Amino acid sequence: FVPLTKCDLTLVDVRPLDQSVPTSNPEFHPITSILHRTFYYSQSGQMLFTRMLQMLLKQHNLALTTVTGIPMK
């Protein structure tokens, strides 16, 4: 058993393309000393793919290469 030292809860509010999305940037809110929440808004389709890719790159400290578009450290 290894105790948790950090836990990030990420929520994504996915909306249809015909509904607007709030333009605010995602905010990182501490809930407890080890639990933090981030809330994102996204439209479905291509916008959701782009949002998920941004979250993946940030979570794993990756960057996209301009030549191939492959995530790399």
C-alpha atoms as a PDB file:
ATOM      1  CA  PHE A   1       0.000   0.000   0.000  1.00  0.00           C
ATOM      2  CA  VAL A   2       1.405   3.362  -1.071  1.00  0.00           C
ATOM      3  CA  PRO A   3      -0.432   6.466   0.168  1.00  0.00           C
ATOM      4  CA  LEU A   4      -1.459   9.124  -2.334  1.00  0.00           C
ATOM      5  CA  THR A   5       0.583  12.308  -2.243  1.00  0.00           C
ATOM      6  CA  LYS A   6      -1.104  14.085  -5.151  1.00  0.00           C
ATOM      7  CA  CYS A   7      -4.325  13.635  -7.116  1.00  0.00           C
ATOM      8  CA  ASP A   8      -5.523  15.852  -9.972  1.00  0.00           C
ATOM      9  CA  LEU A   9      -9.200  15.645 -10.918  1.00  0.00           C
ATOM     10  CA  THR A  10      -9.875  16.922 -14.434  1.00  0.00           C
ATOM     11  CA  LEU A  11     -13.443  17.499 -15.618  1.00  0.00           C
ATOM     12  CA  VAL A  12     -14.408  18.306 -19.207  1.00  0.00           C
ATOM     13  CA  ASP A  13     -17.821  19.812 -19.996  1.00  0.00           C
ATOM     14  CA  VAL A  14     -18.490  18.737 -23.608  1.00  0.00           C
ATOM     15  CA  ARG A  15     -21.170  20.717 -25.435  1.00  0.00           C
ATOM     16  CA  PRO A  16     -22.764  20.330 -28.890  1.00  0.00           C
ATOM     17  CA  LEU A  17     -21.369  22.431 -31.726  1.00  0.00           C
ATOM     18  CA  ASP A  18     -24.423  24.694 -31.747  1.00  0.00           C
ATOM     19  CA  GLN A  19     -23.926  25.734 -28.091  1.00  0.00           C
ATOM     20  CA  SER A  20     -21.395  28.342 -27.054  1.00  0.00           C
ATOM     21  CA  VAL A  21     -18.612  27.539 -24.611  1.00  0.00           C
ATOM     22  CA  PRO A  22     -17.431  29.879 -21.838  1.00  0.00           C
ATOM     23  CA  THR A  23     -14.207  31.589 -22.894  1.00  0.00           C
ATOM     24  CA  SER A  24     -12.548  31.485 -19.477  1.00  0.00           C
ATOM     25  CA  ASN A  25      -9.245  29.676 -19.124  1.00  0.00           C
ATOM     26  CA  PRO A  26      -9.205  26.487 -17.063  1.00  0.00           C
ATOM     27  CA  GLU A  27      -8.463  27.107 -13.417  1.00  0.00           C
ATOM     28  CA  PHE A  28      -6.619  24.851 -11.010  1.00  0.00           C
ATOM     29  CA  HIS A  29      -8.510  24.743  -7.685  1.00  0.00           C
ATOM     30  CA  PRO A  30      -7.226  22.996  -4.567  1.00  0.00           C
ATOM     31  CA  ILE A  31      -9.912  20.930  -2.851  1.00  0.00           C
ATOM     32  CA  THR A  32      -7.698  19.381  -0.162  1.00  0.00           C
ATOM     33  CA  SER A  33      -3.947  19.348   0.401  1.00  0.00           C
ATOM     34  CA  ILE A  34      -3.530  16.472  -2.084  1.00  0.00           C
ATOM     35  CA  LEU A  35      -6.616  16.835  -4.313  1.00  0.00           C
ATOM     36  CA  HIS A  36      -6.847  19.518  -7.013  1.00  0.00           C
ATOM     37  CA  ARG A  37      -9.572  20.108  -9.600  1.00  0.00           C
ATOM     38  CA  THR A  38      -9.324  21.530 -13.094  1.00  0.00           C
ATOM     39  CA  PHE A  39     -12.457  22.232 -15.143  1.00  0.00           C
ATOM     40  CA  TYR A  40     -12.384  22.596 -18.937  1.00  0.00           C
ATOM     41  CA  TYR A  41     -15.105  23.446 -21.454  1.00  0.00           C
ATOM     42  CA  SER A  42     -15.084  22.117 -25.006  1.00  0.00           C
ATOM     43  CA  GLN A  43     -17.350  21.668 -27.986  1.00  0.00           C
ATOM     44  CA  SER A  44     -17.693  18.185 -29.454  1.00  0.00           C
ATOM     45  CA  GLY A  45     -15.828  16.991 -32.534  1.00  0.00           C
ATOM     46  CA  GLN A  46     -12.524  18.553 -33.591  1.00  0.00           C
ATOM     47  CA  MET A  47     -12.569  21.036 -30.691  1.00  0.00           C
ATOM     48  CA  LEU A  48     -12.778  18.151 -28.188  1.00  0.00           C
ATOM     49  CA  PHE A  49      -9.855  16.393 -29.885  1.00  0.00           C
ATOM     50  CA  THR A  50      -7.790  19.583 -29.683  1.00  0.00           C
ATOM     51  CA  ARG A  51      -8.669  20.086 -26.001  1.00  0.00           C
ATOM     52  CA  MET A  52      -7.763  16.483 -25.110  1.00  0.00           C
ATOM     53  CA  LEU A  53      -4.469  16.788 -26.986  1.00  0.00           C
ATOM     54  CA  GLN A  54      -3.627  19.992 -25.066  1.00  0.00           C
ATOM     55  CA  MET A  55      -4.419  18.255 -21.772  1.00  0.00           C
ATOM     56  CA  LEU A  56      -2.273  15.240 -22.713  1.00  0.00           C
ATOM     57  CA  LEU A  57       0.686  17.405 -23.702  1.00  0.00           C
ATOM     58  CA  LYS A  58       0.485  19.369 -20.448  1.00  0.00           C
ATOM     59  CA  GLN A  59       0.018  16.302 -18.209  1.00  0.00           C
ATOM     60  CA  HIS A  60       3.024  14.455 -19.609  1.00  0.00           C
ATOM     61  CA  ASN A  61       5.192  17.523 -20.268  1.00  0.00           C
ATOM     62  CA  LEU A  62       5.285  16.891 -24.030  1.00  0.00           C
ATOM     63  CA  ALA A  63       5.565  19.160 -27.048  1.00  0.00           C
ATOM     64  CA  LEU A  64       4.464  18.682 -30.663  1.00  0.00           C
ATOM     65  CA  THR A  65       7.153  18.695 -33.293  1.00  0.00           C
ATOM     66  CA  THR A  66       6.429  21.048 -36.164  1.00  0.00           C
ATOM     67  CA  VAL A  67       7.722  18.554 -38.725  1.00  0.00           C
ATOM     68  CA  THR A  68       5.646  15.453 -37.926  1.00  0.00           C
ATOM     69  CA  GLY A  69       3.099  16.465 -35.293  1.00  0.00           C
ATOM     70  CA  ILE A  70       4.209  13.579 -33.052  1.00  0.00           C
ATOM     71  CA  PRO A  71       4.152  14.207 -29.262  1.00  0.00           C
ATOM     72  CA  MET A  72       7.695  14.054 -27.890  1.00  0.00           C
ATOM     73  CA  LYS A  73       9.483  14.791 -24.635  1.00  0.00           C
END
